[in-house]
Amino acid sequence: MDQLLQWLLFPGILITLTFSTLFSFKSRRAKDTRTKGIYAARMNISMGGMLIFIAAVQLFLSNESTLRIIIGAIFIVLGLFNLFAGIRNLSVYRSMASSEGSHR
């Protein structure tokens, strides 16, 4: 069971880390504010997923010590916050794009 979780969680961490890094670079290099915001929101979503995967590793693949459970819980809370903030910001920036297109 532990090996199955390792085969699912570690690639998930690497994939979300790659997307988070990619969207971070794209966000910093974007000239347009709306495009920059969309990439930053996607980076937050990726980072939230990465933190949730890291929390799952802490909770499921290690000894059940109190410190690991507390760290896992903190990572889950931070991950969910990043995930929901990214989704909210992405919807705001996408609605800005559609409202700009309708005013032209």
PDB file of N, CA and C in Angstrom:
ATOM      1  N   MET A   1       0.819  -1.199   0.000  1.00  0.00           N
ATOM      2  CA  MET A   1       0.000   0.000   0.000  1.00  0.00           C
ATOM      3  C   MET A   1       0.866   1.268   0.000  1.00  0.00           C
ATOM      4  N   ASP A   2       1.954   1.219   0.777  1.00  0.00           N
ATOM      5  CA  ASP A   2       2.831   2.388   0.827  1.00  0.00           C
ATOM      6  C   ASP A   2       3.493   2.667  -0.515  1.00  0.00           C
ATOM      7  N   GLN A   3       3.853   1.598  -1.233  1.00  0.00           N
ATOM      8  CA  GLN A   3       4.481   1.803  -2.539  1.00  0.00           C
ATOM      9  C   GLN A   3       3.504   2.391  -3.549  1.00  0.00           C
ATOM     10  N   LEU A   4       2.239   1.994  -3.460  1.00  0.00           N
ATOM     11  CA  LEU A   4       1.230   2.577  -4.351  1.00  0.00           C
ATOM     12  C   LEU A   4       1.074   4.066  -4.069  1.00  0.00           C
ATOM     13  N   LEU A   5       1.037   4.439  -2.804  1.00  0.00           N
ATOM     14  CA  LEU A   5       0.942   5.857  -2.455  1.00  0.00           C
ATOM     15  C   LEU A   5       2.177   6.624  -2.922  1.00  0.00           C
ATOM     16  N   GLN A   6       3.348   6.005  -2.790  1.00  0.00           N
ATOM     17  CA  GLN A   6       4.556   6.668  -3.269  1.00  0.00           C
ATOM     18  C   GLN A   6       4.501   6.894  -4.775  1.00  0.00           C
ATOM     19  N   TRP A   7       4.015   5.907  -5.523  1.00  0.00           N
ATOM     20  CA  TRP A   7       3.924   6.036  -6.973  1.00  0.00           C
ATOM     21  C   TRP A   7       2.881   7.060  -7.397  1.00  0.00           C
ATOM     22  N   LEU A   8       1.947   7.391  -6.522  1.00  0.00           N
ATOM     23  CA  LEU A   8       0.942   8.404  -6.845  1.00  0.00           C
ATOM     24  C   LEU A   8       1.317   9.793  -6.327  1.00  0.00           C
ATOM     25  N   LEU A   9       1.871   9.848  -5.120  1.00  0.00           N
ATOM     26  CA  LEU A   9       2.111  11.146  -4.485  1.00  0.00           C
ATOM     27  C   LEU A   9       3.369  11.846  -5.006  1.00  0.00           C
ATOM     28  N   PHE A  10       4.460  11.132  -5.151  1.00  0.00           N
ATOM     29  CA  PHE A  10       5.692  11.789  -5.576  1.00  0.00           C
ATOM     30  C   PHE A  10       5.625  12.339  -7.000  1.00  0.00           C
ATOM     31  N   PRO A  11       5.072  11.602  -7.969  1.00  0.00           N
ATOM     32  CA  PRO A  11       4.892  12.246  -9.282  1.00  0.00           C
ATOM     33  C   PRO A  11       3.930  13.442  -9.214  1.00  0.00           C
ATOM     34  N   GLY A  12       2.922  13.358  -8.355  1.00  0.00           N
ATOM     35  CA  GLY A  12       2.014  14.492  -8.185  1.00  0.00           C
ATOM     36  C   GLY A  12       2.744  15.714  -7.675  1.00  0.00           C
ATOM     37  N   ILE A  13       3.655  15.512  -6.722  1.00  0.00           N
ATOM     38  CA  ILE A  13       4.453  16.623  -6.204  1.00  0.00           C
ATOM     39  C   ILE A  13       5.326  17.209  -7.314  1.00  0.00           C
ATOM     40  N   LEU A  14       5.979  16.354  -8.078  1.00  0.00           N
ATOM     41  CA  LEU A  14       6.868  16.833  -9.145  1.00  0.00           C
ATOM     42  C   LEU A  14       6.103  17.559 -10.252  1.00  0.00           C
ATOM     43  N   ILE A  15       4.944  17.040 -10.617  1.00  0.00           N
ATOM     44  CA  ILE A  15       4.143  17.682 -11.667  1.00  0.00           C
ATOM     45  C   ILE A  15       3.647  19.048 -11.214  1.00  0.00           C
ATOM     46  N   THR A  16       3.106  19.127  -9.993  1.00  0.00           N
ATOM     47  CA  THR A  16       2.605  20.414  -9.510  1.00  0.00           C
ATOM     48  C   THR A  16       3.747  21.390  -9.263  1.00  0.00           C
ATOM     49  N   LEU A  17       4.917  20.893  -8.852  1.00  0.00           N
ATOM     50  CA  LEU A  17       6.089  21.763  -8.701  1.00  0.00           C
ATOM     51  C   LEU A  17       6.499  22.340 -10.048  1.00  0.00           C
ATOM     52  N   THR A  18       6.480  21.513 -11.087  1.00  0.00           N
ATOM     53  CA  THR A  18       6.831  21.982 -12.424  1.00  0.00           C
ATOM     54  C   THR A  18       5.854  23.048 -12.908  1.00  0.00           C
ATOM     55  N   PHE A  19       4.558  22.791 -12.742  1.00  0.00           N
ATOM     56  CA  PHE A  19       3.558  23.783 -13.162  1.00  0.00           C
ATOM     57  C   PHE A  19       3.658  25.066 -12.350  1.00  0.00           C
ATOM     58  N   SER A  20       3.898  24.937 -11.066  1.00  0.00           N
ATOM     59  CA  SER A  20       4.025  26.114 -10.213  1.00  0.00           C
ATOM     60  C   SER A  20       5.203  26.975 -10.643  1.00  0.00           C
ATOM     61  N   THR A  21       6.328  26.342 -10.938  1.00  0.00           N
ATOM     62  CA  THR A  21       7.511  27.069 -11.401  1.00  0.00           C
ATOM     63  C   THR A  21       7.274  27.698 -12.767  1.00  0.00           C
ATOM     64  N   LEU A  22       6.668  26.951 -13.670  1.00  0.00           N
ATOM     65  CA  LEU A  22       6.388  27.455 -15.008  1.00  0.00           C
ATOM     66  C   LEU A  22       5.467  28.682 -14.964  1.00  0.00           C
ATOM     67  N   PHE A  23       4.377  28.585 -14.205  1.00  0.00           N
ATOM     68  CA  PHE A  23       3.446  29.708 -14.131  1.00  0.00           C
ATOM     69  C   PHE A  23       4.047  30.897 -13.381  1.00  0.00           C
ATOM     70  N   SER A  24       4.954  30.629 -12.453  1.00  0.00           N
ATOM     71  CA  SER A  24       5.639  31.721 -11.765  1.00  0.00           C
ATOM     72  C   SER A  24       6.501  32.517 -12.736  1.00  0.00           C
ATOM     73  N   PHE A  25       7.271  31.811 -13.567  1.00  0.00           N
ATOM     74  CA  PHE A  25       8.089  32.513 -14.570  1.00  0.00           C
ATOM     75  C   PHE A  25       7.222  33.259 -15.565  1.00  0.00           C
ATOM     76  N   LYS A  26       6.148  32.627 -16.020  1.00  0.00           N
ATOM     77  CA  LYS A  26       5.269  33.292 -16.988  1.00  0.00           C
ATOM     78  C   LYS A  26       4.604  34.519 -16.377  1.00  0.00           C
ATOM     79  N   SER A  27       4.239  34.429 -15.106  1.00  0.00           N
ATOM     80  CA  SER A  27       3.608  35.558 -14.437  1.00  0.00           C
ATOM     81  C   SER A  27       4.572  36.731 -14.301  1.00  0.00           C
ATOM     82  N   ARG A  28       5.801  36.444 -13.969  1.00  0.00           N
ATOM     83  CA  ARG A  28       6.789  37.517 -13.788  1.00  0.00           C
ATOM     84  C   ARG A  28       7.178  38.168 -15.105  1.00  0.00           C
ATOM     85  N   ARG A  29       7.092  37.441 -16.206  1.00  0.00           N
ATOM     86  CA  ARG A  29       7.505  37.975 -17.500  1.00  0.00           C
ATOM     87  C   ARG A  29       6.362  38.596 -18.303  1.00  0.00           C
ATOM     88  N   ALA A  30       5.140  38.403 -17.859  1.00  0.00           N
ATOM     89  CA  ALA A  30       3.996  38.927 -18.603  1.00  0.00           C
ATOM     90  C   ALA A  30       3.941  40.456 -18.487  1.00  0.00           C
ATOM     91  N   LYS A  31       3.588  41.081 -19.563  1.00  0.00           N
ATOM     92  CA  LYS A  31       3.483  42.551 -19.577  1.00  0.00           C
ATOM     93  C   LYS A  31       2.084  43.019 -19.175  1.00  0.00           C
ATOM     94  N   ASP A  32       1.078  42.315 -19.652  1.00  0.00           N
ATOM     95  CA  ASP A  32      -0.312  42.674 -19.406  1.00  0.00           C
ATOM     96  C   ASP A  32      -0.711  42.278 -17.981  1.00  0.00           C
ATOM     97  N   THR A  33      -1.420  43.151 -17.292  1.00  0.00           N
ATOM     98  CA  THR A  33      -1.828  42.888 -15.911  1.00  0.00           C
ATOM     99  C   THR A  33      -2.772  41.698 -15.823  1.00  0.00           C
ATOM    100  N   ARG A  34      -3.700  41.598 -16.754  1.00  0.00           N
ATOM    101  CA  ARG A  34      -4.664  40.497 -16.740  1.00  0.00           C
ATOM    102  C   ARG A  34      -3.958  39.154 -16.961  1.00  0.00           C
ATOM    103  N   THR A  35      -3.048  39.105 -17.917  1.00  0.00           N
ATOM    104  CA  THR A  35      -2.301  37.878 -18.188  1.00  0.00           C
ATOM    105  C   THR A  35      -1.433  37.509 -16.988  1.00  0.00           C
ATOM    106  N   LYS A  36      -0.821  38.497 -16.386  1.00  0.00           N
ATOM    107  CA  LYS A  36      -0.002  38.270 -15.203  1.00  0.00           C
ATOM    108  C   LYS A  36      -0.847  37.691 -14.075  1.00  0.00           C
ATOM    109  N   GLY A  37      -2.053  38.225 -13.904  1.00  0.00           N
ATOM    110  CA  GLY A  37      -2.948  37.723 -12.862  1.00  0.00           C
ATOM    111  C   GLY A  37      -3.424  36.306 -13.118  1.00  0.00           C
ATOM    112  N   ILE A  38      -3.700  35.983 -14.379  1.00  0.00           N
ATOM    113  CA  ILE A  38      -4.129  34.621 -14.719  1.00  0.00           C
ATOM    114  C   ILE A  38      -3.017  33.625 -14.429  1.00  0.00           C
ATOM    115  N   TYR A  39      -1.781  33.961 -14.804  1.00  0.00           N
ATOM    116  CA  TYR A  39      -0.666  33.057 -14.529  1.00  0.00           C
ATOM    117  C   TYR A  39      -0.396  32.940 -13.028  1.00  0.00           C
ATOM    118  N   ALA A  40      -0.542  34.037 -12.296  1.00  0.00           N
ATOM    119  CA  ALA A  40      -0.347  33.984 -10.843  1.00  0.00           C
ATOM    120  C   ALA A  40      -1.427  33.121 -10.186  1.00  0.00           C
ATOM    121  N   ALA A  41      -2.651  33.208 -10.685  1.00  0.00           N
ATOM    122  CA  ALA A  41      -3.729  32.375 -10.148  1.00  0.00           C
ATOM    123  C   ALA A  41      -3.474  30.898 -10.437  1.00  0.00           C
ATOM    124  N   ARG A  42      -3.004  30.594 -11.633  1.00  0.00           N
ATOM    125  CA  ARG A  42      -2.664  29.205 -11.966  1.00  0.00           C
ATOM    126  C   ARG A  42      -1.494  28.706 -11.107  1.00  0.00           C
ATOM    127  N   MET A  43      -0.557  29.606 -10.807  1.00  0.00           N
ATOM    128  CA  MET A  43       0.545  29.235  -9.934  1.00  0.00           C
ATOM    129  C   MET A  43       0.023  28.910  -8.535  1.00  0.00           C
ATOM    130  N   ASN A  44      -0.927  29.701  -8.032  1.00  0.00           N
ATOM    131  CA  ASN A  44      -1.513  29.429  -6.712  1.00  0.00           C
ATOM    132  C   ASN A  44      -2.240  28.089  -6.698  1.00  0.00           C
ATOM    133  N   ILE A  45      -2.950  27.778  -7.765  1.00  0.00           N
ATOM    134  CA  ILE A  45      -3.651  26.493  -7.834  1.00  0.00           C
ATOM    135  C   ILE A  45      -2.640  25.349  -7.821  1.00  0.00           C
ATOM    136  N   SER A  46      -1.580  25.474  -8.599  1.00  0.00           N
ATOM    137  CA  SER A  46      -0.550  24.435  -8.635  1.00  0.00           C
ATOM    138  C   SER A  46       0.147  24.300  -7.284  1.00  0.00           C
ATOM    139  N   MET A  47       0.436  25.429  -6.662  1.00  0.00           N
ATOM    140  CA  MET A  47       1.104  25.391  -5.368  1.00  0.00           C
ATOM    141  C   MET A  47       0.198  24.783  -4.295  1.00  0.00           C
ATOM    142  N   GLY A  48      -1.082  25.068  -4.374  1.00  0.00           N
ATOM    143  CA  GLY A  48      -2.024  24.461  -3.440  1.00  0.00           C
ATOM    144  C   GLY A  48      -2.069  22.957  -3.590  1.00  0.00           C
ATOM    145  N   GLY A  49      -2.080  22.491  -4.832  1.00  0.00           N
ATOM    146  CA  GLY A  49      -2.050  21.052  -5.070  1.00  0.00           C
ATOM    147  C   GLY A  49      -0.767  20.425  -4.557  1.00  0.00           C
ATOM    148  N   MET A  50       0.354  21.114  -4.767  1.00  0.00           N
ATOM    149  CA  MET A  50       1.630  20.597  -4.297  1.00  0.00           C
ATOM    150  C   MET A  50       1.651  20.491  -2.773  1.00  0.00           C
ATOM    151  N   LEU A  51       1.143  21.491  -2.093  1.00  0.00           N
ATOM    152  CA  LEU A  51       1.115  21.452  -0.627  1.00  0.00           C
ATOM    153  C   LEU A  51       0.199  20.339  -0.113  1.00  0.00           C
ATOM    154  N   ILE A  52      -0.881  20.092  -0.814  1.00  0.00           N
ATOM    155  CA  ILE A  52      -1.775  19.000  -0.411  1.00  0.00           C
ATOM    156  C   ILE A  52      -1.083  17.652  -0.610  1.00  0.00           C
ATOM    157  N   PHE A  53      -0.355  17.492  -1.722  1.00  0.00           N
ATOM    158  CA  PHE A  53       0.400  16.246  -1.930  1.00  0.00           C
ATOM    159  C   PHE A  53       1.475  16.066  -0.860  1.00  0.00           C
ATOM    160  N   ILE A  54       2.172  17.148  -0.503  1.00  0.00           N
ATOM    161  CA  ILE A  54       3.202  17.063   0.534  1.00  0.00           C
ATOM    162  C   ILE A  54       2.570  16.704   1.876  1.00  0.00           C
ATOM    163  N   ALA A  55       1.402  17.277   2.155  1.00  0.00           N
ATOM    164  CA  ALA A  55       0.705  16.946   3.396  1.00  0.00           C
ATOM    165  C   ALA A  55       0.301  15.477   3.425  1.00  0.00           C
ATOM    166  N   ALA A  56      -0.113  14.956   2.279  1.00  0.00           N
ATOM    167  CA  ALA A  56      -0.487  13.539   2.215  1.00  0.00           C
ATOM    168  C   ALA A  56       0.720  12.650   2.495  1.00  0.00           C
ATOM    169  N   VAL A  57       1.886  13.048   2.000  1.00  0.00           N
ATOM    170  CA  VAL A  57       3.107  12.289   2.295  1.00  0.00           C
ATOM    171  C   VAL A  57       3.378  12.317   3.796  1.00  0.00           C
ATOM    172  N   GLN A  58       3.245  13.479   4.401  1.00  0.00           N
ATOM    173  CA  GLN A  58       3.487  13.594   5.841  1.00  0.00           C
ATOM    174  C   GLN A  58       2.502  12.763   6.652  1.00  0.00           C
ATOM    175  N   LEU A  59       1.274  12.706   6.207  1.00  0.00           N
ATOM    176  CA  LEU A  59       0.250  12.013   6.992  1.00  0.00           C
ATOM    177  C   LEU A  59       0.219  10.508   6.746  1.00  0.00           C
ATOM    178  N   PHE A  60       0.500  10.073   5.518  1.00  0.00           N
ATOM    179  CA  PHE A  60       0.302   8.665   5.188  1.00  0.00           C
ATOM    180  C   PHE A  60       1.579   7.843   5.080  1.00  0.00           C
ATOM    181  N   LEU A  61       2.701   8.466   4.759  1.00  0.00           N
ATOM    182  CA  LEU A  61       3.906   7.698   4.487  1.00  0.00           C
ATOM    183  C   LEU A  61       4.985   7.847   5.553  1.00  0.00           C
ATOM    184  N   SER A  62       4.631   8.294   6.714  1.00  0.00           N
ATOM    185  CA  SER A  62       5.630   8.452   7.758  1.00  0.00           C
ATOM    186  C   SER A  62       5.060   7.944   9.080  1.00  0.00           C
ATOM    187  N   ASN A  63       5.917   7.915  10.078  1.00  0.00           N
ATOM    188  CA  ASN A  63       5.460   7.490  11.399  1.00  0.00           C
ATOM    189  C   ASN A  63       4.396   8.443  11.915  1.00  0.00           C
ATOM    190  N   GLU A  64       3.515   7.919  12.710  1.00  0.00           N
ATOM    191  CA  GLU A  64       2.414   8.746  13.211  1.00  0.00           C
ATOM    192  C   GLU A  64       2.837   9.516  14.456  1.00  0.00           C
ATOM    193  N   SER A  65       3.760  10.441  14.284  1.00  0.00           N
ATOM    194  CA  SER A  65       4.154  11.278  15.409  1.00  0.00           C
ATOM    195  C   SER A  65       3.288  12.535  15.412  1.00  0.00           C
ATOM    196  N   THR A  66       3.181  13.141  16.548  1.00  0.00           N
ATOM    197  CA  THR A  66       2.346  14.333  16.693  1.00  0.00           C
ATOM    198  C   THR A  66       2.862  15.476  15.832  1.00  0.00           C
ATOM    199  N   LEU A  67       4.171  15.628  15.776  1.00  0.00           N
ATOM    200  CA  LEU A  67       4.748  16.711  14.985  1.00  0.00           C
ATOM    201  C   LEU A  67       4.429  16.551  13.501  1.00  0.00           C
ATOM    202  N   ARG A  68       4.524  15.343  12.977  1.00  0.00           N
ATOM    203  CA  ARG A  68       4.217  15.113  11.555  1.00  0.00           C
ATOM    204  C   ARG A  68       2.742  15.351  11.262  1.00  0.00           C
ATOM    205  N   ILE A  69       1.876  14.992  12.183  1.00  0.00           N
ATOM    206  CA  ILE A  69       0.450  15.239  11.989  1.00  0.00           C
ATOM    207  C   ILE A  69       0.162  16.739  11.992  1.00  0.00           C
ATOM    208  N   ILE A  70       0.814  17.483  12.869  1.00  0.00           N
ATOM    209  CA  ILE A  70       0.616  18.938  12.918  1.00  0.00           C
ATOM    210  C   ILE A  70       1.140  19.587  11.643  1.00  0.00           C
ATOM    211  N   ILE A  71       2.331  19.163  11.193  1.00  0.00           N
ATOM    212  CA  ILE A  71       2.893  19.713   9.950  1.00  0.00           C
ATOM    213  C   ILE A  71       2.002  19.366   8.763  1.00  0.00           C
ATOM    214  N   GLY A  72       1.515  18.137   8.706  1.00  0.00           N
ATOM    215  CA  GLY A  72       0.602  17.746   7.631  1.00  0.00           C
ATOM    216  C   GLY A  72      -0.680  18.561   7.639  1.00  0.00           C
ATOM    217  N   ALA A  73      -1.213  18.802   8.827  1.00  0.00           N
ATOM    218  CA  ALA A  73      -2.445  19.606   8.926  1.00  0.00           C
ATOM    219  C   ALA A  73      -2.202  21.046   8.479  1.00  0.00           C
ATOM    220  N   ILE A  74      -1.061  21.603   8.843  1.00  0.00           N
ATOM    221  CA  ILE A  74      -0.731  22.971   8.421  1.00  0.00           C
ATOM    222  C   ILE A  74      -0.592  23.036   6.901  1.00  0.00           C
ATOM    223  N   PHE A  75       0.077  22.030   6.316  1.00  0.00           N
ATOM    224  CA  PHE A  75       0.231  22.009   4.862  1.00  0.00           C
ATOM    225  C   PHE A  75      -1.109  21.849   4.157  1.00  0.00           C
ATOM    226  N   ILE A  76      -2.008  21.067   4.728  1.00  0.00           N
ATOM    227  CA  ILE A  76      -3.343  20.925   4.117  1.00  0.00           C
ATOM    228  C   ILE A  76      -4.086  22.253   4.145  1.00  0.00           C
ATOM    229  N   VAL A  77      -4.032  22.941   5.270  1.00  0.00           N
ATOM    230  CA  VAL A  77      -4.728  24.235   5.379  1.00  0.00           C
ATOM    231  C   VAL A  77      -4.137  25.240   4.395  1.00  0.00           C
ATOM    232  N   LEU A  78      -2.803  25.320   4.346  1.00  0.00           N
ATOM    233  CA  LEU A  78      -2.163  26.240   3.399  1.00  0.00           C
ATOM    234  C   LEU A  78      -2.460  25.856   1.948  1.00  0.00           C
ATOM    235  N   GLY A  79      -2.453  24.562   1.665  1.00  0.00           N
ATOM    236  CA  GLY A  79      -2.745  24.100   0.320  1.00  0.00           C
ATOM    237  C   GLY A  79      -4.169  24.417  -0.107  1.00  0.00           C
ATOM    238  N   LEU A  80      -5.120  24.175   0.777  1.00  0.00           N
ATOM    239  CA  LEU A  80      -6.516  24.487   0.456  1.00  0.00           C
ATOM    240  C   LEU A  80      -6.720  25.988   0.282  1.00  0.00           C
ATOM    241  N   PHE A  81      -6.048  26.791   1.131  1.00  0.00           N
ATOM    242  CA  PHE A  81      -6.156  28.242   0.988  1.00  0.00           C
ATOM    243  C   PHE A  81      -5.618  28.683  -0.372  1.00  0.00           C
ATOM    244  N   ASN A  82      -4.435  28.190  -0.759  1.00  0.00           N
ATOM    245  CA  ASN A  82      -3.864  28.542  -2.066  1.00  0.00           C
ATOM    246  C   ASN A  82      -4.749  28.065  -3.206  1.00  0.00           C
ATOM    247  N   LEU A  83      -5.284  26.872  -3.074  1.00  0.00           N
ATOM    248  CA  LEU A  83      -6.144  26.316  -4.116  1.00  0.00           C
ATOM    249  C   LEU A  83      -7.394  27.171  -4.314  1.00  0.00           C
ATOM    250  N   PHE A  84      -8.084  27.485  -3.232  1.00  0.00           N
ATOM    251  CA  PHE A  84      -9.309  28.276  -3.351  1.00  0.00           C
ATOM    252  C   PHE A  84      -9.033  29.720  -3.748  1.00  0.00           C
ATOM    253  N   ALA A  85      -7.940  30.303  -3.237  1.00  0.00           N
ATOM    254  CA  ALA A  85      -7.594  31.671  -3.641  1.00  0.00           C
ATOM    255  C   ALA A  85      -7.242  31.719  -5.122  1.00  0.00           C
ATOM    256  N   GLY A  86      -6.525  30.708  -5.596  1.00  0.00           N
ATOM    257  CA  GLY A  86      -6.182  30.657  -7.018  1.00  0.00           C
ATOM    258  C   GLY A  86      -7.403  30.502  -7.897  1.00  0.00           C
ATOM    259  N   ILE A  87      -8.334  29.637  -7.491  1.00  0.00           N
ATOM    260  CA  ILE A  87      -9.565  29.452  -8.263  1.00  0.00           C
ATOM    261  C   ILE A  87     -10.382  30.742  -8.279  1.00  0.00           C
ATOM    262  N   ARG A  88     -10.481  31.409  -7.132  1.00  0.00           N
ATOM    263  CA  ARG A  88     -11.224  32.670  -7.058  1.00  0.00           C
ATOM    264  C   ARG A  88     -10.579  33.732  -7.943  1.00  0.00           C
ATOM    265  N   ASN A  89      -9.257  33.873  -7.837  1.00  0.00           N
ATOM    266  CA  ASN A  89      -8.559  34.881  -8.640  1.00  0.00           C
ATOM    267  C   ASN A  89      -8.632  34.571 -10.129  1.00  0.00           C
ATOM    268  N   LEU A  90      -8.558  33.302 -10.480  1.00  0.00           N
ATOM    269  CA  LEU A  90      -8.663  32.923 -11.885  1.00  0.00           C
ATOM    270  C   LEU A  90     -10.032  33.296 -12.444  1.00  0.00           C
ATOM    271  N   SER A  91     -11.080  33.073 -11.668  1.00  0.00           N
ATOM    272  CA  SER A  91     -12.416  33.443 -12.148  1.00  0.00           C
ATOM    273  C   SER A  91     -12.558  34.958 -12.262  1.00  0.00           C
ATOM    274  N   VAL A  92     -11.938  35.709 -11.359  1.00  0.00           N
ATOM    275  CA  VAL A  92     -11.994  37.174 -11.435  1.00  0.00           C
ATOM    276  C   VAL A  92     -11.274  37.676 -12.678  1.00  0.00           C
ATOM    277  N   TYR A  93     -10.069  37.163 -12.920  1.00  0.00           N
ATOM    278  CA  TYR A  93      -9.308  37.624 -14.083  1.00  0.00           C
ATOM    279  C   TYR A  93      -9.945  37.166 -15.393  1.00  0.00           C
ATOM    280  N   ARG A  94     -10.553  35.994 -15.396  1.00  0.00           N
ATOM    281  CA  ARG A  94     -11.254  35.560 -16.610  1.00  0.00           C
ATOM    282  C   ARG A  94     -12.490  36.409 -16.864  1.00  0.00           C
ATOM    283  N   SER A  95     -13.197  36.805 -15.806  1.00  0.00           N
ATOM    284  CA  SER A  95     -14.367  37.666 -16.004  1.00  0.00           C
ATOM    285  C   SER A  95     -13.937  39.062 -16.460  1.00  0.00           C
ATOM    286  N   MET A  96     -12.754  39.497 -16.013  1.00  0.00           N
ATOM    287  CA  MET A  96     -12.226  40.775 -16.512  1.00  0.00           C
ATOM    288  C   MET A  96     -11.973  40.679 -18.006  1.00  0.00           C
ATOM    289  N   ALA A  97     -11.503  39.540 -18.454  1.00  0.00           N
ATOM    290  CA  ALA A  97     -11.222  39.352 -19.875  1.00  0.00           C
ATOM    291  C   ALA A  97     -12.510  39.379 -20.690  1.00  0.00           C
ATOM    292  N   SER A  98     -13.548  38.720 -20.171  1.00  0.00           N
ATOM    293  CA  SER A  98     -14.796  38.710 -20.927  1.00  0.00           C
ATOM    294  C   SER A  98     -15.504  40.049 -20.876  1.00  0.00           C
ATOM    295  N   SER A  99     -15.378  40.803 -19.757  1.00  0.00           N
ATOM    296  CA  SER A  99     -16.023  42.106 -19.696  1.00  0.00           C
ATOM    297  C   SER A  99     -15.260  43.139 -20.550  1.00  0.00           C
ATOM    298  N   GLU A 100     -13.932  43.000 -20.669  1.00  0.00           N
ATOM    299  CA  GLU A 100     -13.179  43.880 -21.549  1.00  0.00           C
ATOM    300  C   GLU A 100     -13.536  43.640 -23.003  1.00  0.00           C
ATOM    301  N   GLY A 101     -13.757  42.377 -23.338  1.00  0.00           N
ATOM    302  CA  GLY A 101     -14.106  42.038 -24.716  1.00  0.00           C
ATOM    303  C   GLY A 101     -15.491  42.541 -25.092  1.00  0.00           C
ATOM    304  N   SER A 102     -16.416  42.618 -24.136  1.00  0.00           N
ATOM    305  CA  SER A 102     -17.772  43.071 -24.446  1.00  0.00           C
ATOM    306  C   SER A 102     -17.858  44.579 -24.528  1.00  0.00           C
ATOM    307  N   HIS A 103     -16.887  45.310 -23.928  1.00  0.00           N
ATOM    308  CA  HIS A 103     -16.923  46.771 -23.968  1.00  0.00           C
ATOM    309  C   HIS A 103     -16.305  47.333 -25.247  1.00  0.00           C
ATOM    310  N   ARG A 104     -15.623  46.512 -25.984  1.00  0.00           N
ATOM    311  CA  ARG A 104     -14.948  47.020 -27.201  1.00  0.00           C
ATOM    312  C   ARG A 104     -15.866  47.054 -28.369  1.00  0.00           C
TER     313      ARG A 104
END
